[in-house]
Amino acid sequence: MENASWGTAKEAFINAWPPLKTMERKESKDDGQKKDEKKTIAELYAPAARQYKLPEYDELNHDFEVDTIDPECKHLLKEVAKKVFERLDMFKKILETTIQPDASILTMQEAEFLSEADYDKVGDALRHLMRLDRTLLLAELENDEKAYAEFINEAMREWPRIKQELTPIVKRMQQGWSKPNGAKKRQQYLG
């Protein structure tokens, strides 16, 4: 009951004082315009996608989660390129420790799960990932929208093949830890 009378009192006060009534209408109108003006990353990406023949937004978002980019960013393609790079760099770092496992006992043990053929595929994937890394580095030096678009296109062309090559290797790594002897007893440090 108190809430109902407060609402009535508030309305009576606003109606009694015209400047408040006008201000309230203005604020609600401004709020509505702000909501309408905000675009999603997908809507902002569409014109650049047409201009640079970029991959479809949904495909890009599926693999690289670009929907987490702030829609109010000033350089959208640069931010998209950074998101793509973050994902590629994560895999590059994991693969690098697989090739050079002296970082920890765990990576040394995990390295034993893979065959020579697996190492060849890891090396090939690393080579592609490093080339993409340097492509983005060059785009950063040029700081040009077209260069970022070229990186995004190249990464999207390479990623499905890299992912296909790495999936069985990562599964073997996962299965290696499922076996009872996967996590061997702590060995004596030889360094």
Protein backbone atom coordinates (compact mmCIF):
# COMPACT_ATOMS: atom_id res chain seq x y z
CA MET A 1 0.00 0.00 0.00
CA GLU A 2 2.83 2.36 0.85
CA ASN A 3 4.38 1.85 -2.59
CA ALA A 4 1.13 2.73 -4.33
CA SER A 5 0.77 5.97 -2.37
CA TRP A 6 4.48 6.83 -2.99
CA GLY A 7 3.94 6.35 -6.73
CA THR A 8 0.88 8.58 -6.61
CA ALA A 9 2.73 11.22 -4.57
CA LYS A 10 5.66 11.11 -7.00
CA GLU A 11 3.38 11.55 -10.00
CA ALA A 12 1.56 14.40 -8.28
CA PHE A 13 4.88 16.12 -7.50
CA ILE A 14 6.18 15.72 -11.08
CA ASN A 15 2.87 16.90 -12.55
CA ALA A 16 2.80 19.90 -10.19
CA TRP A 17 6.25 21.05 -11.23
CA PRO A 18 6.49 21.23 -15.07
CA PRO A 19 10.34 21.40 -15.30
CA LEU A 20 10.58 17.94 -13.70
CA LYS A 21 7.97 16.53 -16.06
CA THR A 22 9.90 17.79 -19.10
CA MET A 23 13.23 16.56 -17.71
CA GLU A 24 11.85 13.07 -17.07
CA ARG A 25 10.55 12.81 -20.63
CA LYS A 26 13.88 14.01 -22.04
CA GLU A 27 15.87 11.48 -20.00
CA SER A 28 13.69 8.58 -21.09
CA LYS A 29 13.91 9.72 -24.73
CA ASP A 30 17.73 9.97 -24.53
CA ASP A 31 17.97 6.53 -22.92
CA GLY A 32 15.90 5.06 -25.76
CA GLN A 33 18.14 6.62 -28.38
CA LYS A 34 21.30 5.35 -26.69
CA LYS A 35 19.93 1.82 -26.63
CA ASP A 36 19.02 2.01 -30.31
CA GLU A 37 22.42 3.43 -31.32
CA LYS A 38 24.48 0.64 -29.75
CA LYS A 39 25.42 -1.93 -32.36
CA THR A 40 26.68 -5.43 -31.85
CA ILE A 41 30.11 -6.58 -32.98
CA ALA A 42 28.41 -8.56 -35.75
CA GLU A 43 26.72 -5.41 -37.07
CA LEU A 44 29.97 -3.44 -36.88
CA TYR A 45 31.91 -6.27 -38.55
CA ALA A 46 29.55 -6.61 -41.55
CA PRO A 47 30.74 -3.52 -43.53
CA ALA A 48 34.41 -4.42 -43.03
CA ALA A 49 33.65 -8.02 -44.02
CA ARG A 50 32.14 -6.82 -47.29
CA GLN A 51 34.97 -4.36 -47.95
CA TYR A 52 37.84 -6.81 -47.32
CA LYS A 53 36.05 -10.08 -48.20
CA LEU A 54 36.46 -11.33 -44.63
CA PRO A 55 35.05 -14.63 -43.36
CA GLU A 56 31.48 -14.86 -42.11
CA TYR A 57 31.05 -13.47 -38.60
CA ASP A 58 29.50 -16.64 -37.13
CA GLU A 59 32.38 -18.80 -38.37
CA LEU A 60 34.96 -16.35 -37.02
CA ASN A 61 33.14 -16.06 -33.72
CA HIS A 62 32.82 -19.83 -33.35
CA ASP A 63 36.58 -20.36 -33.50
CA PHE A 64 37.88 -17.11 -32.00
CA GLU A 65 35.11 -15.70 -29.75
CA VAL A 66 35.18 -12.21 -31.26
CA ASP A 67 31.80 -11.42 -29.69
CA THR A 68 33.66 -10.57 -26.48
CA ILE A 69 35.17 -7.46 -28.12
CA ASP A 70 33.86 -4.15 -26.79
CA PRO A 71 31.49 -2.74 -29.45
CA GLU A 72 32.75 0.74 -28.66
CA CYS A 73 36.35 -0.02 -29.69
CA LYS A 74 37.87 2.40 -32.17
CA HIS A 75 39.72 -0.08 -34.40
CA LEU A 76 37.49 -3.11 -34.88
CA LEU A 77 39.66 -5.11 -37.29
CA LYS A 78 42.71 -4.59 -35.10
CA GLU A 79 40.74 -5.95 -32.12
CA VAL A 80 39.44 -8.89 -34.17
CA ALA A 81 43.00 -9.67 -35.28
CA LYS A 82 44.15 -9.58 -31.65
CA LYS A 83 41.39 -12.02 -30.66
CA VAL A 84 42.42 -14.40 -33.44
CA PHE A 85 46.05 -14.06 -32.39
CA GLU A 86 45.23 -14.82 -28.73
CA ARG A 87 43.77 -18.17 -29.70
CA LEU A 88 46.58 -19.05 -32.12
CA ASP A 89 49.21 -17.97 -29.60
CA MET A 90 47.74 -20.24 -26.92
CA PHE A 91 48.19 -23.25 -29.19
CA LYS A 92 51.63 -22.08 -30.27
CA LYS A 93 52.81 -21.92 -26.65
CA ILE A 94 51.43 -25.37 -25.82
CA LEU A 95 53.04 -26.91 -28.91
CA GLU A 96 56.32 -25.18 -28.20
CA THR A 97 56.53 -26.86 -24.79
CA THR A 98 55.76 -30.17 -26.49
CA ILE A 99 58.71 -29.74 -28.87
CA GLN A 100 61.00 -28.44 -26.10
CA PRO A 101 59.67 -30.19 -22.97
CA ASP A 102 62.39 -29.21 -20.52
CA ALA A 103 60.12 -26.62 -18.88
CA SER A 104 58.67 -29.06 -16.35
CA ILE A 105 58.42 -32.70 -15.38
CA LEU A 106 54.84 -32.79 -16.66
CA THR A 107 55.70 -31.61 -20.15
CA MET A 108 58.63 -34.05 -20.25
CA GLN A 109 56.25 -36.88 -19.40
CA GLU A 110 53.68 -35.67 -21.87
CA ALA A 111 56.30 -35.59 -24.62
CA GLU A 112 56.63 -39.35 -24.22
CA PHE A 113 53.00 -39.83 -25.31
CA LEU A 114 53.76 -38.70 -28.88
CA SER A 115 55.36 -40.50 -31.81
CA GLU A 116 57.90 -39.13 -34.29
CA ALA A 117 55.08 -38.65 -36.81
CA ASP A 118 53.23 -36.58 -34.20
CA TYR A 119 56.31 -34.43 -33.70
CA ASP A 120 56.53 -33.84 -37.45
CA LYS A 121 52.92 -32.64 -37.45
CA VAL A 122 53.52 -30.45 -34.39
CA GLY A 123 56.56 -28.92 -36.11
CA ASP A 124 54.53 -28.24 -39.24
CA ALA A 125 51.71 -26.66 -37.23
CA LEU A 126 54.23 -24.50 -35.34
CA ARG A 127 55.72 -23.31 -38.61
CA HIS A 128 52.27 -22.20 -39.82
CA LEU A 129 51.45 -20.59 -36.48
CA MET A 130 54.76 -18.69 -36.46
CA ARG A 131 54.14 -17.43 -39.98
CA LEU A 132 50.73 -16.15 -38.86
CA ASP A 133 52.36 -14.62 -35.79
CA ARG A 134 54.78 -12.69 -38.01
CA THR A 135 51.97 -11.69 -40.35
CA LEU A 136 50.24 -10.00 -37.43
CA LEU A 137 53.52 -8.47 -36.29
CA LEU A 138 53.89 -6.90 -39.73
CA ALA A 139 50.27 -5.66 -39.57
CA GLU A 140 51.03 -4.10 -36.19
CA LEU A 141 54.05 -2.33 -37.67
CA GLU A 142 51.97 -1.02 -40.57
CA ASN A 143 49.00 -0.33 -38.26
CA ASP A 144 46.75 -0.51 -41.29
CA GLU A 145 43.20 -1.87 -41.47
CA LYS A 146 43.92 -3.67 -44.73
CA ALA A 147 46.91 -5.48 -43.16
CA TYR A 148 44.75 -6.62 -40.24
CA ALA A 149 42.12 -7.85 -42.71
CA GLU A 150 44.79 -9.84 -44.59
CA PHE A 151 45.90 -11.44 -41.32
CA ILE A 152 42.31 -12.39 -40.43
CA ASN A 153 41.75 -13.91 -43.88
CA GLU A 154 45.01 -15.83 -43.80
CA ALA A 155 44.38 -17.12 -40.27
CA MET A 156 40.91 -18.31 -41.24
CA ARG A 157 42.31 -20.13 -44.28
CA GLU A 158 45.02 -21.85 -42.20
CA TRP A 159 43.11 -22.57 -39.00
CA PRO A 160 40.89 -25.47 -40.17
CA ARG A 161 43.93 -27.42 -41.43
CA ILE A 162 45.96 -26.70 -38.29
CA LYS A 163 43.02 -27.70 -36.11
CA GLN A 164 42.52 -30.91 -38.08
CA GLU A 165 46.20 -31.85 -37.71
CA LEU A 166 46.31 -31.05 -34.00
CA THR A 167 43.09 -32.73 -32.88
CA PRO A 168 44.41 -36.33 -32.94
CA ILE A 169 47.66 -35.21 -31.28
CA VAL A 170 45.87 -33.43 -28.45
CA LYS A 171 43.62 -36.48 -28.02
CA ARG A 172 46.72 -38.68 -27.68
CA MET A 173 48.09 -36.28 -25.10
CA GLN A 174 44.81 -36.42 -23.20
CA GLN A 175 44.66 -40.23 -23.41
CA GLY A 176 48.24 -40.45 -22.19
CA TRP A 177 47.18 -38.89 -18.91
CA SER A 178 44.28 -41.34 -18.63
CA LYS A 179 46.62 -44.32 -18.37
CA PRO A 180 47.86 -45.29 -14.90
CA ASN A 181 51.48 -44.92 -16.00
CA GLY A 182 50.72 -41.55 -17.66
CA ALA A 183 51.80 -39.63 -14.59
CA LYS A 184 54.95 -41.48 -13.64
CA LYS A 185 56.45 -41.25 -10.21
CA ARG A 186 58.59 -38.21 -9.67
CA GLN A 187 61.99 -38.84 -11.14
CA GLN A 188 65.23 -37.56 -9.78
CA TYR A 189 66.26 -34.16 -11.16
CA LEU A 190 69.09 -34.58 -13.66
CA GLY A 191 69.87 -30.87 -14.31
